[in-house]
Amino acid sequence: NCIVLVLRNTPTGIQLLLDSRAGEYGGGFEKIRVLDTVTNGFRDIALASHISASDRTIEVFRFTGGQYRRSSCYYSTWQPAGHPEGLKQPEISIGCTGEK
């Protein structure tokens, strides 16, 4: 998992728009997707990190207040409890592990 930084070149210098290390649950991500949706003139971003071989968190960031902020978080698993053979499609729920 890698740290993700989104920078913007402005006439006055480089502006930091997203630092995945910032915030209570910040960290590294293995998948990055720039989405087709736009918030306040900037494309939304989805970042995914793996928790285990079958579990992943997916965080969606939208541009508000001059920077990217996490707007939603999802938990995805390919092998929920009671299904040792796994699932054909991932099971996705709102909210990430560790959230209050």
N, C-alpha and C. Protein backbone atom coordinates (compact mmCIF):
# COMPACT_ATOMS: atom_id res chain seq x y z
N ASN A 1 0.84 -1.19 0.00
CA ASN A 1 0.00 0.00 0.00
C ASN A 1 0.88 1.24 0.00
N CYS A 2 0.52 2.20 -0.84
CA CYS A 2 1.32 3.41 -1.00
C CYS A 2 0.57 4.65 -0.52
N ILE A 3 1.31 5.64 -0.10
CA ILE A 3 0.74 6.93 0.26
C ILE A 3 0.33 7.63 -1.02
N VAL A 4 -0.81 8.32 -0.99
CA VAL A 4 -1.31 9.04 -2.16
C VAL A 4 -1.30 10.53 -1.86
N LEU A 5 -0.67 11.29 -2.76
CA LEU A 5 -0.67 12.74 -2.69
C LEU A 5 -1.26 13.28 -3.98
N VAL A 6 -2.16 14.26 -3.88
CA VAL A 6 -2.67 14.96 -5.06
C VAL A 6 -2.20 16.40 -4.91
N LEU A 7 -1.44 16.85 -5.90
CA LEU A 7 -0.87 18.19 -5.88
C LEU A 7 -1.41 19.00 -7.05
N ARG A 8 -1.42 20.31 -6.87
CA ARG A 8 -1.89 21.21 -7.92
C ARG A 8 -0.86 22.31 -8.09
N ASN A 9 -0.45 22.55 -9.32
CA ASN A 9 0.50 23.62 -9.61
C ASN A 9 -0.29 24.92 -9.78
N THR A 10 0.01 25.92 -8.95
CA THR A 10 -0.67 27.22 -9.01
C THR A 10 0.37 28.30 -9.30
N PRO A 11 -0.06 29.49 -9.68
CA PRO A 11 0.91 30.58 -9.92
C PRO A 11 1.77 30.90 -8.69
N THR A 12 1.28 30.59 -7.50
CA THR A 12 2.03 30.89 -6.28
C THR A 12 2.80 29.69 -5.75
N GLY A 13 2.72 28.54 -6.42
CA GLY A 13 3.46 27.36 -6.00
C GLY A 13 2.59 26.12 -5.96
N ILE A 14 3.13 25.06 -5.39
CA ILE A 14 2.43 23.78 -5.32
C ILE A 14 1.44 23.80 -4.16
N GLN A 15 0.23 23.33 -4.44
CA GLN A 15 -0.81 23.25 -3.42
C GLN A 15 -1.14 21.78 -3.17
N LEU A 16 -1.16 21.36 -1.92
CA LEU A 16 -1.50 19.99 -1.55
C LEU A 16 -3.01 19.86 -1.45
N LEU A 17 -3.61 19.01 -2.28
CA LEU A 17 -5.05 18.83 -2.29
C LEU A 17 -5.49 17.58 -1.52
N LEU A 18 -4.62 16.56 -1.48
CA LEU A 18 -4.94 15.31 -0.78
C LEU A 18 -3.65 14.67 -0.29
N ASP A 19 -3.65 14.30 0.97
CA ASP A 19 -2.55 13.54 1.57
C ASP A 19 -3.21 12.37 2.30
N SER A 20 -3.04 11.16 1.79
CA SER A 20 -3.75 10.01 2.36
C SER A 20 -3.29 9.70 3.79
N ARG A 21 -2.18 10.28 4.23
CA ARG A 21 -1.73 10.07 5.61
C ARG A 21 -2.50 10.93 6.60
N ALA A 22 -3.17 11.96 6.11
CA ALA A 22 -3.88 12.89 6.98
C ALA A 22 -5.18 12.27 7.50
N GLY A 23 -5.63 12.71 8.64
CA GLY A 23 -6.90 12.24 9.19
C GLY A 23 -6.73 11.05 10.09
N GLU A 24 -7.78 10.72 10.77
CA GLU A 24 -7.76 9.66 11.78
C GLU A 24 -7.48 8.29 11.19
N TYR A 25 -7.95 8.01 9.97
CA TYR A 25 -7.80 6.68 9.39
C TYR A 25 -6.89 6.71 8.16
N GLY A 26 -6.02 7.70 8.03
CA GLY A 26 -5.18 7.85 6.86
C GLY A 26 -4.17 6.72 6.72
N GLY A 27 -3.69 6.54 5.52
CA GLY A 27 -2.69 5.51 5.30
C GLY A 27 -2.42 5.27 3.84
N GLY A 28 -1.96 4.07 3.54
CA GLY A 28 -1.59 3.72 2.18
C GLY A 28 -2.70 3.02 1.44
N PHE A 29 -2.63 3.10 0.12
CA PHE A 29 -3.64 2.50 -0.75
C PHE A 29 -2.97 1.74 -1.87
N GLU A 30 -3.62 0.69 -2.36
CA GLU A 30 -3.07 -0.09 -3.45
C GLU A 30 -3.75 0.18 -4.78
N LYS A 31 -4.96 0.69 -4.76
CA LYS A 31 -5.71 0.97 -5.99
C LYS A 31 -6.16 2.42 -5.98
N ILE A 32 -6.04 3.08 -7.13
CA ILE A 32 -6.45 4.47 -7.28
C ILE A 32 -7.32 4.56 -8.53
N ARG A 33 -8.46 5.22 -8.39
CA ARG A 33 -9.35 5.40 -9.54
C ARG A 33 -9.87 6.82 -9.54
N VAL A 34 -9.63 7.54 -10.62
CA VAL A 34 -10.21 8.86 -10.81
C VAL A 34 -11.58 8.63 -11.42
N LEU A 35 -12.61 9.07 -10.73
CA LEU A 35 -13.99 8.78 -11.13
C LEU A 35 -14.48 9.77 -12.18
N ASP A 36 -15.57 9.41 -12.85
CA ASP A 36 -16.18 10.29 -13.84
C ASP A 36 -16.98 11.42 -13.18
N THR A 37 -17.35 11.26 -11.92
CA THR A 37 -18.13 12.28 -11.22
C THR A 37 -17.23 13.44 -10.80
N VAL A 38 -17.85 14.63 -10.68
CA VAL A 38 -17.11 15.85 -10.38
C VAL A 38 -17.77 16.57 -9.21
N THR A 39 -16.96 17.07 -8.27
CA THR A 39 -17.45 17.87 -7.16
C THR A 39 -16.67 19.18 -7.15
N ASN A 40 -17.38 20.29 -7.26
CA ASN A 40 -16.77 21.63 -7.24
C ASN A 40 -15.66 21.79 -8.28
N GLY A 41 -15.86 21.20 -9.46
CA GLY A 41 -14.92 21.35 -10.56
C GLY A 41 -13.76 20.37 -10.56
N PHE A 42 -13.67 19.47 -9.58
CA PHE A 42 -12.59 18.50 -9.50
C PHE A 42 -13.17 17.08 -9.54
N ARG A 43 -12.50 16.19 -10.26
CA ARG A 43 -12.97 14.81 -10.35
C ARG A 43 -12.84 14.11 -9.00
N ASP A 44 -13.84 13.30 -8.67
CA ASP A 44 -13.82 12.53 -7.44
C ASP A 44 -12.80 11.39 -7.57
N ILE A 45 -12.30 10.93 -6.44
CA ILE A 45 -11.25 9.91 -6.42
C ILE A 45 -11.66 8.78 -5.49
N ALA A 46 -11.46 7.54 -5.92
CA ALA A 46 -11.68 6.36 -5.07
C ALA A 46 -10.33 5.70 -4.82
N LEU A 47 -10.06 5.42 -3.53
CA LEU A 47 -8.82 4.76 -3.14
C LEU A 47 -9.16 3.48 -2.39
N ALA A 48 -8.48 2.39 -2.70
CA ALA A 48 -8.75 1.11 -2.06
C ALA A 48 -7.48 0.55 -1.44
N SER A 49 -7.64 -0.05 -0.27
CA SER A 49 -6.52 -0.71 0.40
C SER A 49 -6.97 -2.09 0.86
N HIS A 50 -6.04 -3.02 0.90
CA HIS A 50 -6.41 -4.36 1.32
C HIS A 50 -6.16 -4.52 2.81
N ILE A 51 -7.07 -5.21 3.47
CA ILE A 51 -6.95 -5.55 4.88
C ILE A 51 -6.38 -6.95 5.00
N SER A 52 -6.83 -7.83 4.09
CA SER A 52 -6.34 -9.20 4.01
C SER A 52 -6.46 -9.63 2.55
N ALA A 53 -6.21 -10.89 2.27
CA ALA A 53 -6.29 -11.38 0.89
C ALA A 53 -7.70 -11.25 0.32
N SER A 54 -8.74 -11.27 1.17
CA SER A 54 -10.11 -11.23 0.66
C SER A 54 -10.88 -9.98 1.10
N ASP A 55 -10.28 -9.12 1.93
CA ASP A 55 -10.99 -7.94 2.45
C ASP A 55 -10.31 -6.65 2.00
N ARG A 56 -11.13 -5.64 1.71
CA ARG A 56 -10.61 -4.37 1.21
C ARG A 56 -11.50 -3.23 1.70
N THR A 57 -10.89 -2.06 1.92
CA THR A 57 -11.67 -0.85 2.15
C THR A 57 -11.58 0.02 0.91
N ILE A 58 -12.67 0.71 0.61
CA ILE A 58 -12.74 1.61 -0.53
C ILE A 58 -13.21 2.96 0.01
N GLU A 59 -12.39 3.99 -0.18
CA GLU A 59 -12.72 5.32 0.32
C GLU A 59 -12.90 6.26 -0.87
N VAL A 60 -13.98 7.05 -0.83
CA VAL A 60 -14.26 8.01 -1.89
C VAL A 60 -13.96 9.41 -1.36
N PHE A 61 -13.17 10.16 -2.14
CA PHE A 61 -12.80 11.52 -1.78
C PHE A 61 -13.43 12.49 -2.76
N ARG A 62 -13.99 13.60 -2.22
CA ARG A 62 -14.58 14.65 -3.04
C ARG A 62 -13.91 15.97 -2.66
N PHE A 63 -13.84 16.89 -3.63
CA PHE A 63 -13.18 18.17 -3.41
C PHE A 63 -14.15 19.16 -2.76
N THR A 64 -13.89 19.51 -1.52
CA THR A 64 -14.71 20.49 -0.80
C THR A 64 -13.79 21.31 0.11
N GLY A 65 -14.09 22.59 0.26
CA GLY A 65 -13.32 23.44 1.15
C GLY A 65 -11.86 23.58 0.75
N GLY A 66 -11.56 23.52 -0.54
CA GLY A 66 -10.20 23.73 -1.01
C GLY A 66 -9.30 22.51 -0.98
N GLN A 67 -9.85 21.34 -0.62
CA GLN A 67 -9.04 20.12 -0.62
C GLN A 67 -9.94 18.89 -0.78
N TYR A 68 -9.32 17.75 -1.03
CA TYR A 68 -10.07 16.50 -1.09
C TYR A 68 -10.32 16.01 0.33
N ARG A 69 -11.56 15.63 0.58
CA ARG A 69 -11.95 15.09 1.88
C ARG A 69 -12.71 13.78 1.66
N ARG A 70 -12.52 12.86 2.58
CA ARG A 70 -13.22 11.58 2.47
C ARG A 70 -14.71 11.82 2.65
N SER A 71 -15.49 11.39 1.68
CA SER A 71 -16.94 11.58 1.75
C SER A 71 -17.67 10.30 2.13
N SER A 72 -17.08 9.15 1.82
CA SER A 72 -17.70 7.88 2.17
C SER A 72 -16.65 6.79 2.19
N CYS A 73 -17.00 5.71 2.89
CA CYS A 73 -16.09 4.60 3.02
C CYS A 73 -16.89 3.30 2.94
N TYR A 74 -16.33 2.29 2.29
CA TYR A 74 -17.00 1.02 2.10
C TYR A 74 -16.06 -0.12 2.50
N TYR A 75 -16.63 -1.21 2.95
CA TYR A 75 -15.88 -2.41 3.29
C TYR A 75 -16.33 -3.49 2.32
N SER A 76 -15.37 -4.19 1.72
CA SER A 76 -15.68 -5.22 0.73
C SER A 76 -14.98 -6.52 1.11
N THR A 77 -15.69 -7.63 0.99
CA THR A 77 -15.07 -8.93 1.24
C THR A 77 -15.52 -9.94 0.19
N TRP A 78 -14.60 -10.84 -0.15
CA TRP A 78 -14.90 -11.93 -1.07
C TRP A 78 -15.21 -13.21 -0.31
N GLN A 79 -15.00 -13.22 0.98
CA GLN A 79 -15.19 -14.45 1.75
C GLN A 79 -15.75 -14.13 3.14
N PRO A 80 -17.05 -13.88 3.24
CA PRO A 80 -17.64 -13.59 4.55
C PRO A 80 -17.69 -14.83 5.43
N ALA A 81 -17.82 -14.62 6.73
CA ALA A 81 -17.91 -15.74 7.68
C ALA A 81 -19.03 -16.69 7.27
N GLY A 82 -18.77 -17.97 7.34
CA GLY A 82 -19.77 -18.98 6.98
C GLY A 82 -19.74 -19.37 5.52
N HIS A 83 -18.88 -18.76 4.70
CA HIS A 83 -18.79 -19.09 3.28
C HIS A 83 -17.34 -19.41 2.92
N PRO A 84 -16.82 -20.56 3.36
CA PRO A 84 -15.40 -20.86 3.12
C PRO A 84 -15.04 -20.96 1.64
N GLU A 85 -16.00 -21.21 0.77
CA GLU A 85 -15.70 -21.31 -0.65
C GLU A 85 -15.63 -19.94 -1.31
N GLY A 86 -15.99 -18.88 -0.58
CA GLY A 86 -15.94 -17.53 -1.13
C GLY A 86 -17.19 -17.17 -1.90
N LEU A 87 -17.23 -15.96 -2.41
CA LEU A 87 -18.38 -15.45 -3.15
C LEU A 87 -17.99 -15.22 -4.60
N LYS A 88 -18.97 -15.26 -5.49
CA LYS A 88 -18.72 -14.95 -6.89
C LYS A 88 -18.57 -13.45 -7.10
N GLN A 89 -19.26 -12.67 -6.28
CA GLN A 89 -19.16 -11.21 -6.30
C GLN A 89 -18.84 -10.74 -4.89
N PRO A 90 -18.12 -9.64 -4.74
CA PRO A 90 -17.80 -9.19 -3.37
C PRO A 90 -19.05 -8.69 -2.66
N GLU A 91 -19.04 -8.85 -1.36
CA GLU A 91 -20.09 -8.30 -0.51
C GLU A 91 -19.59 -6.94 -0.04
N ILE A 92 -20.36 -5.87 -0.30
CA ILE A 92 -19.93 -4.52 0.01
C ILE A 92 -20.89 -3.91 1.00
N SER A 93 -20.35 -3.28 2.06
CA SER A 93 -21.18 -2.60 3.04
C SER A 93 -20.64 -1.20 3.28
N ILE A 94 -21.49 -0.30 3.72
CA ILE A 94 -21.09 1.07 4.00
C ILE A 94 -20.39 1.11 5.35
N GLY A 95 -19.32 1.88 5.43
CA GLY A 95 -18.56 2.02 6.66
C GLY A 95 -17.33 1.14 6.64
N CYS A 96 -16.25 1.66 7.16
CA CYS A 96 -14.99 0.93 7.19
C CYS A 96 -14.70 0.42 8.58
N THR A 97 -13.90 -0.62 8.64
CA THR A 97 -13.50 -1.17 9.93
C THR A 97 -12.76 -0.11 10.71
N GLY A 98 -12.97 -0.08 12.00
CA GLY A 98 -12.31 0.89 12.85
C GLY A 98 -13.05 2.20 13.02
N GLU A 99 -14.13 2.40 12.25
CA GLU A 99 -14.90 3.63 12.40
C GLU A 99 -15.80 3.55 13.62
N LYS A 100 -16.03 4.69 14.22
CA LYS A 100 -16.89 4.74 15.42
C LYS A 100 -18.34 4.79 15.02
